[in-house]
Amino acid sequence: QVQLVQSGGGLVQPGGSLRLSCEASGFTFNHYTMSWYRQAPGKERELVASISSGGNSTNYAESVKGRFTISRDNTKNTVYLQMNSLKPEDTAVYYCYVPWRWWGQGTQVTVSS
């Protein structure tokens, strides 16, 4: 069965960094675009970043451009989200997502001093 197992996340001070990972199984990983979404309390889930199946095309929400980097390792069936210069408004539950198909379990990121 399809699994998207997320790791990383936690509590970090403003200006700090975190890396999220999402390891996939149960489908042909390198055939699919992968995305990261986030949902803050009381807000709708929003797209953070996406990466094409081969990794040569990415796109980002304006709010994270220049601070976050999405990448993937198709040999490890894993997608990453490197988050730098974190801000309190980045606090949310982050989800990896295979568009129109499957969601990861979510991981909490809290940016606070």
N, C-alpha and C. Protein backbone atom coordinates (compact mmCIF):
# COMPACT_ATOMS: atom_id res chain seq x y z
N GLN A 1 0.83 -1.18 0.00
CA GLN A 1 0.00 0.00 0.00
C GLN A 1 0.87 1.25 0.00
N VAL A 2 0.28 2.35 -0.41
CA VAL A 2 1.02 3.61 -0.47
C VAL A 2 1.27 4.13 0.93
N GLN A 3 2.52 4.54 1.15
CA GLN A 3 2.86 5.20 2.40
C GLN A 3 3.72 6.42 2.11
N LEU A 4 3.44 7.50 2.81
CA LEU A 4 4.26 8.71 2.80
C LEU A 4 4.60 8.99 4.27
N VAL A 5 5.84 8.69 4.63
CA VAL A 5 6.24 8.78 6.03
C VAL A 5 7.12 10.01 6.21
N GLN A 6 6.61 10.95 6.96
CA GLN A 6 7.30 12.21 7.17
C GLN A 6 8.16 12.18 8.43
N SER A 7 9.23 12.93 8.38
CA SER A 7 10.09 13.10 9.55
C SER A 7 10.66 14.51 9.53
N GLY A 8 11.24 14.88 10.66
CA GLY A 8 11.73 16.25 10.81
C GLY A 8 10.69 17.09 11.51
N GLY A 9 10.85 18.38 11.47
CA GLY A 9 9.92 19.25 12.14
C GLY A 9 10.30 19.44 13.60
N GLY A 10 9.47 20.18 14.32
CA GLY A 10 9.72 20.45 15.71
C GLY A 10 9.67 21.92 16.02
N LEU A 11 10.31 22.29 17.11
CA LEU A 11 10.33 23.67 17.59
C LEU A 11 11.67 24.32 17.26
N VAL A 12 11.62 25.51 16.68
CA VAL A 12 12.84 26.22 16.32
C VAL A 12 12.63 27.70 16.58
N GLN A 13 13.71 28.39 16.88
CA GLN A 13 13.63 29.84 17.11
C GLN A 13 13.55 30.58 15.78
N PRO A 14 12.99 31.77 15.78
CA PRO A 14 12.98 32.58 14.55
C PRO A 14 14.39 32.76 14.01
N GLY A 15 14.50 32.63 12.69
CA GLY A 15 15.80 32.69 12.04
C GLY A 15 16.48 31.35 11.91
N GLY A 16 15.94 30.34 12.55
CA GLY A 16 16.54 29.02 12.51
C GLY A 16 16.17 28.23 11.27
N SER A 17 16.64 26.98 11.24
CA SER A 17 16.43 26.11 10.09
C SER A 17 15.91 24.75 10.52
N LEU A 18 15.16 24.13 9.63
CA LEU A 18 14.70 22.76 9.81
C LEU A 18 14.68 22.09 8.45
N ARG A 19 14.78 20.78 8.44
CA ARG A 19 14.59 20.02 7.21
C ARG A 19 13.54 18.94 7.43
N LEU A 20 12.56 18.95 6.55
CA LEU A 20 11.54 17.91 6.55
C LEU A 20 11.86 16.88 5.49
N SER A 21 11.54 15.64 5.79
CA SER A 21 11.71 14.54 4.84
C SER A 21 10.40 13.80 4.69
N CYS A 22 10.21 13.23 3.53
CA CYS A 22 9.01 12.42 3.26
C CYS A 22 9.46 11.22 2.42
N GLU A 23 9.45 10.06 3.03
CA GLU A 23 9.86 8.83 2.34
C GLU A 23 8.62 8.10 1.81
N ALA A 24 8.65 7.82 0.54
CA ALA A 24 7.49 7.22 -0.13
C ALA A 24 7.71 5.74 -0.41
N SER A 25 6.62 5.01 -0.42
CA SER A 25 6.66 3.61 -0.81
C SER A 25 5.30 3.22 -1.36
N GLY A 26 5.29 2.14 -2.12
CA GLY A 26 4.03 1.63 -2.64
C GLY A 26 3.62 2.17 -3.99
N PHE A 27 4.43 3.02 -4.57
CA PHE A 27 4.17 3.52 -5.91
C PHE A 27 5.50 3.89 -6.55
N THR A 28 5.46 4.16 -7.86
CA THR A 28 6.69 4.47 -8.59
C THR A 28 7.02 5.94 -8.39
N PHE A 29 7.83 6.20 -7.39
CA PHE A 29 8.09 7.55 -6.91
C PHE A 29 8.54 8.48 -8.02
N ASN A 30 9.45 8.01 -8.87
CA ASN A 30 10.04 8.91 -9.86
C ASN A 30 9.13 9.21 -11.03
N HIS A 31 7.88 8.77 -10.94
CA HIS A 31 6.90 9.11 -11.97
C HIS A 31 6.03 10.30 -11.58
N TYR A 32 6.16 10.75 -10.34
CA TYR A 32 5.21 11.71 -9.80
C TYR A 32 5.84 13.02 -9.34
N THR A 33 5.16 14.12 -9.66
CA THR A 33 5.43 15.38 -8.99
C THR A 33 5.13 15.22 -7.50
N MET A 34 5.95 15.88 -6.69
CA MET A 34 5.75 15.87 -5.24
C MET A 34 5.60 17.31 -4.74
N SER A 35 4.78 17.47 -3.71
CA SER A 35 4.53 18.80 -3.17
C SER A 35 4.60 18.78 -1.65
N TRP A 36 4.81 19.96 -1.12
CA TRP A 36 4.66 20.20 0.32
C TRP A 36 3.56 21.24 0.49
N TYR A 37 2.65 20.97 1.41
CA TYR A 37 1.61 21.90 1.81
C TYR A 37 1.75 22.18 3.30
N ARG A 38 1.08 23.21 3.74
CA ARG A 38 1.04 23.48 5.18
C ARG A 38 -0.33 24.05 5.56
N GLN A 39 -0.66 23.85 6.81
CA GLN A 39 -1.92 24.37 7.33
C GLN A 39 -1.69 24.94 8.72
N ALA A 40 -1.90 26.23 8.84
CA ALA A 40 -1.79 26.91 10.12
C ALA A 40 -3.15 26.89 10.82
N PRO A 41 -3.17 27.02 12.13
CA PRO A 41 -4.44 27.01 12.86
C PRO A 41 -5.40 28.06 12.32
N GLY A 42 -6.61 27.63 12.02
CA GLY A 42 -7.63 28.54 11.56
C GLY A 42 -7.50 28.98 10.12
N LYS A 43 -6.56 28.40 9.41
CA LYS A 43 -6.34 28.78 8.01
C LYS A 43 -6.49 27.57 7.10
N GLU A 44 -6.66 27.86 5.81
CA GLU A 44 -6.78 26.78 4.84
C GLU A 44 -5.39 26.20 4.54
N ARG A 45 -5.39 24.95 4.10
CA ARG A 45 -4.15 24.33 3.68
C ARG A 45 -3.65 25.03 2.42
N GLU A 46 -2.34 25.30 2.38
CA GLU A 46 -1.79 26.03 1.24
C GLU A 46 -0.55 25.34 0.70
N LEU A 47 -0.35 25.51 -0.61
CA LEU A 47 0.83 24.96 -1.26
C LEU A 47 2.08 25.73 -0.82
N VAL A 48 3.12 25.00 -0.46
CA VAL A 48 4.40 25.61 -0.11
C VAL A 48 5.38 25.50 -1.28
N ALA A 49 5.51 24.28 -1.81
CA ALA A 49 6.47 24.06 -2.89
C ALA A 49 6.14 22.77 -3.61
N SER A 50 6.55 22.70 -4.89
CA SER A 50 6.40 21.48 -5.67
C SER A 50 7.67 21.22 -6.45
N ILE A 51 7.87 19.96 -6.80
CA ILE A 51 9.03 19.56 -7.59
C ILE A 51 8.59 18.51 -8.60
N SER A 52 9.09 18.64 -9.82
CA SER A 52 8.70 17.71 -10.87
C SER A 52 9.28 16.33 -10.61
N SER A 53 8.81 15.38 -11.39
CA SER A 53 9.19 13.98 -11.15
C SER A 53 10.70 13.77 -11.27
N GLY A 54 11.33 14.47 -12.20
CA GLY A 54 12.78 14.33 -12.37
C GLY A 54 13.59 15.28 -11.53
N GLY A 55 12.91 16.22 -10.89
CA GLY A 55 13.60 17.16 -10.01
C GLY A 55 14.14 18.39 -10.68
N ASN A 56 13.85 18.56 -11.98
CA ASN A 56 14.46 19.69 -12.68
C ASN A 56 13.56 20.92 -12.74
N SER A 57 12.40 20.84 -12.13
CA SER A 57 11.50 21.99 -12.11
C SER A 57 10.88 22.12 -10.73
N THR A 58 10.93 23.32 -10.18
CA THR A 58 10.36 23.58 -8.87
C THR A 58 9.52 24.85 -8.91
N ASN A 59 8.60 24.94 -7.98
CA ASN A 59 7.90 26.21 -7.78
C ASN A 59 7.58 26.38 -6.30
N TYR A 60 7.46 27.64 -5.91
CA TYR A 60 7.32 27.99 -4.51
C TYR A 60 6.23 29.03 -4.30
N ALA A 61 5.62 28.98 -3.12
CA ALA A 61 4.77 30.07 -2.70
C ALA A 61 5.62 31.32 -2.52
N GLU A 62 5.03 32.47 -2.83
CA GLU A 62 5.79 33.72 -2.70
C GLU A 62 6.32 33.92 -1.29
N SER A 63 5.57 33.47 -0.32
CA SER A 63 5.93 33.70 1.08
C SER A 63 7.18 32.93 1.52
N VAL A 64 7.59 31.92 0.75
CA VAL A 64 8.76 31.13 1.15
C VAL A 64 9.90 31.21 0.16
N LYS A 65 9.70 31.89 -0.95
CA LYS A 65 10.76 32.00 -1.96
C LYS A 65 12.02 32.59 -1.36
N GLY A 66 13.15 31.97 -1.68
CA GLY A 66 14.43 32.43 -1.17
C GLY A 66 14.77 31.91 0.21
N ARG A 67 13.81 31.28 0.88
CA ARG A 67 14.07 30.75 2.21
C ARG A 67 13.95 29.22 2.25
N PHE A 68 13.03 28.68 1.48
CA PHE A 68 12.79 27.23 1.47
C PHE A 68 13.30 26.63 0.17
N THR A 69 13.75 25.38 0.26
CA THR A 69 14.20 24.66 -0.93
C THR A 69 13.61 23.25 -0.91
N ILE A 70 12.92 22.91 -1.98
CA ILE A 70 12.41 21.55 -2.14
C ILE A 70 13.38 20.77 -3.01
N SER A 71 13.60 19.52 -2.65
CA SER A 71 14.49 18.67 -3.43
C SER A 71 14.01 17.23 -3.30
N ARG A 72 14.56 16.36 -4.12
CA ARG A 72 14.18 14.96 -4.05
C ARG A 72 15.37 14.09 -4.41
N ASP A 73 15.34 12.89 -3.86
CA ASP A 73 16.34 11.87 -4.19
C ASP A 73 15.56 10.65 -4.65
N ASN A 74 15.51 10.46 -5.96
CA ASN A 74 14.71 9.36 -6.49
C ASN A 74 15.32 8.00 -6.21
N THR A 75 16.59 7.96 -5.82
CA THR A 75 17.19 6.67 -5.44
C THR A 75 16.75 6.26 -4.05
N LYS A 76 16.28 7.24 -3.27
CA LYS A 76 15.82 6.96 -1.90
C LYS A 76 14.31 7.14 -1.75
N ASN A 77 13.63 7.44 -2.86
CA ASN A 77 12.18 7.66 -2.82
C ASN A 77 11.80 8.69 -1.76
N THR A 78 12.56 9.75 -1.69
CA THR A 78 12.38 10.74 -0.63
C THR A 78 12.37 12.16 -1.20
N VAL A 79 11.47 12.96 -0.68
CA VAL A 79 11.41 14.39 -0.99
C VAL A 79 11.71 15.16 0.29
N TYR A 80 12.39 16.28 0.12
CA TYR A 80 12.84 17.08 1.26
C TYR A 80 12.31 18.50 1.15
N LEU A 81 12.22 19.15 2.30
CA LEU A 81 11.95 20.58 2.33
C LEU A 81 12.92 21.20 3.33
N GLN A 82 13.91 21.91 2.79
CA GLN A 82 14.85 22.63 3.64
C GLN A 82 14.28 24.01 3.90
N MET A 83 14.13 24.33 5.17
CA MET A 83 13.51 25.59 5.56
C MET A 83 14.52 26.42 6.35
N ASN A 84 14.90 27.55 5.80
CA ASN A 84 15.85 28.45 6.44
C ASN A 84 15.18 29.77 6.77
N SER A 85 15.82 30.55 7.62
CA SER A 85 15.31 31.87 8.02
C SER A 85 13.84 31.78 8.43
N LEU A 86 13.55 30.82 9.25
CA LEU A 86 12.15 30.58 9.63
C LEU A 86 11.57 31.75 10.41
N LYS A 87 10.28 31.97 10.19
CA LYS A 87 9.55 33.05 10.82
C LYS A 87 8.38 32.48 11.62
N PRO A 88 7.90 33.20 12.61
CA PRO A 88 6.74 32.70 13.37
C PRO A 88 5.55 32.37 12.47
N GLU A 89 5.38 33.10 11.39
CA GLU A 89 4.25 32.82 10.49
C GLU A 89 4.42 31.55 9.67
N ASP A 90 5.59 30.91 9.77
CA ASP A 90 5.77 29.61 9.14
C ASP A 90 5.24 28.48 10.01
N THR A 91 4.82 28.79 11.21
CA THR A 91 4.27 27.78 12.11
C THR A 91 3.02 27.15 11.50
N ALA A 92 3.04 25.83 11.39
CA ALA A 92 1.94 25.11 10.74
C ALA A 92 2.22 23.61 10.82
N VAL A 93 1.23 22.84 10.44
CA VAL A 93 1.45 21.42 10.17
C VAL A 93 1.79 21.30 8.68
N TYR A 94 2.89 20.64 8.40
CA TYR A 94 3.37 20.48 7.03
C TYR A 94 3.08 19.07 6.54
N TYR A 95 2.61 19.00 5.29
CA TYR A 95 2.23 17.73 4.70
C TYR A 95 2.95 17.53 3.37
N CYS A 96 3.47 16.34 3.14
CA CYS A 96 3.89 16.03 1.79
C CYS A 96 2.68 15.46 1.04
N TYR A 97 2.70 15.62 -0.27
CA TYR A 97 1.49 15.35 -1.05
C TYR A 97 1.89 14.91 -2.45
N VAL A 98 1.24 13.85 -2.91
CA VAL A 98 1.31 13.45 -4.31
C VAL A 98 0.06 14.01 -4.95
N PRO A 99 0.18 15.01 -5.81
CA PRO A 99 -1.00 15.71 -6.31
C PRO A 99 -2.10 14.79 -6.82
N TRP A 100 -3.29 15.06 -6.31
CA TRP A 100 -4.53 14.39 -6.68
C TRP A 100 -4.60 12.94 -6.20
N ARG A 101 -3.62 12.61 -5.28
CA ARG A 101 -3.60 11.21 -4.87
C ARG A 101 -3.45 11.01 -3.37
N TRP A 102 -2.27 11.25 -2.81
CA TRP A 102 -2.01 10.80 -1.46
C TRP A 102 -1.36 11.90 -0.62
N TRP A 103 -1.69 11.86 0.69
CA TRP A 103 -1.13 12.78 1.66
C TRP A 103 -0.27 12.05 2.68
N GLY A 104 0.78 12.73 3.14
CA GLY A 104 1.52 12.27 4.30
C GLY A 104 0.74 12.54 5.58
N GLN A 105 1.31 12.09 6.70
CA GLN A 105 0.59 12.18 7.96
C GLN A 105 0.65 13.55 8.60
N GLY A 106 1.53 14.40 8.12
CA GLY A 106 1.68 15.74 8.67
C GLY A 106 2.71 15.77 9.78
N THR A 107 3.41 16.90 9.87
CA THR A 107 4.38 17.08 10.94
C THR A 107 4.34 18.55 11.39
N GLN A 108 4.39 18.75 12.67
CA GLN A 108 4.26 20.09 13.22
C GLN A 108 5.60 20.83 13.15
N VAL A 109 5.53 22.06 12.66
CA VAL A 109 6.67 22.98 12.70
C VAL A 109 6.22 24.20 13.50
N THR A 110 6.95 24.50 14.56
CA THR A 110 6.63 25.65 15.40
C THR A 110 7.85 26.56 15.46
N VAL A 111 7.63 27.82 15.09
CA VAL A 111 8.72 28.80 15.11
C VAL A 111 8.38 29.82 16.20
N SER A 112 9.16 29.77 17.26
CA SER A 112 8.86 30.61 18.41
C SER A 112 10.10 30.79 19.26
N SER A 113 10.19 31.95 19.88
CA SER A 113 11.29 32.19 20.81
C SER A 113 10.88 31.84 22.24
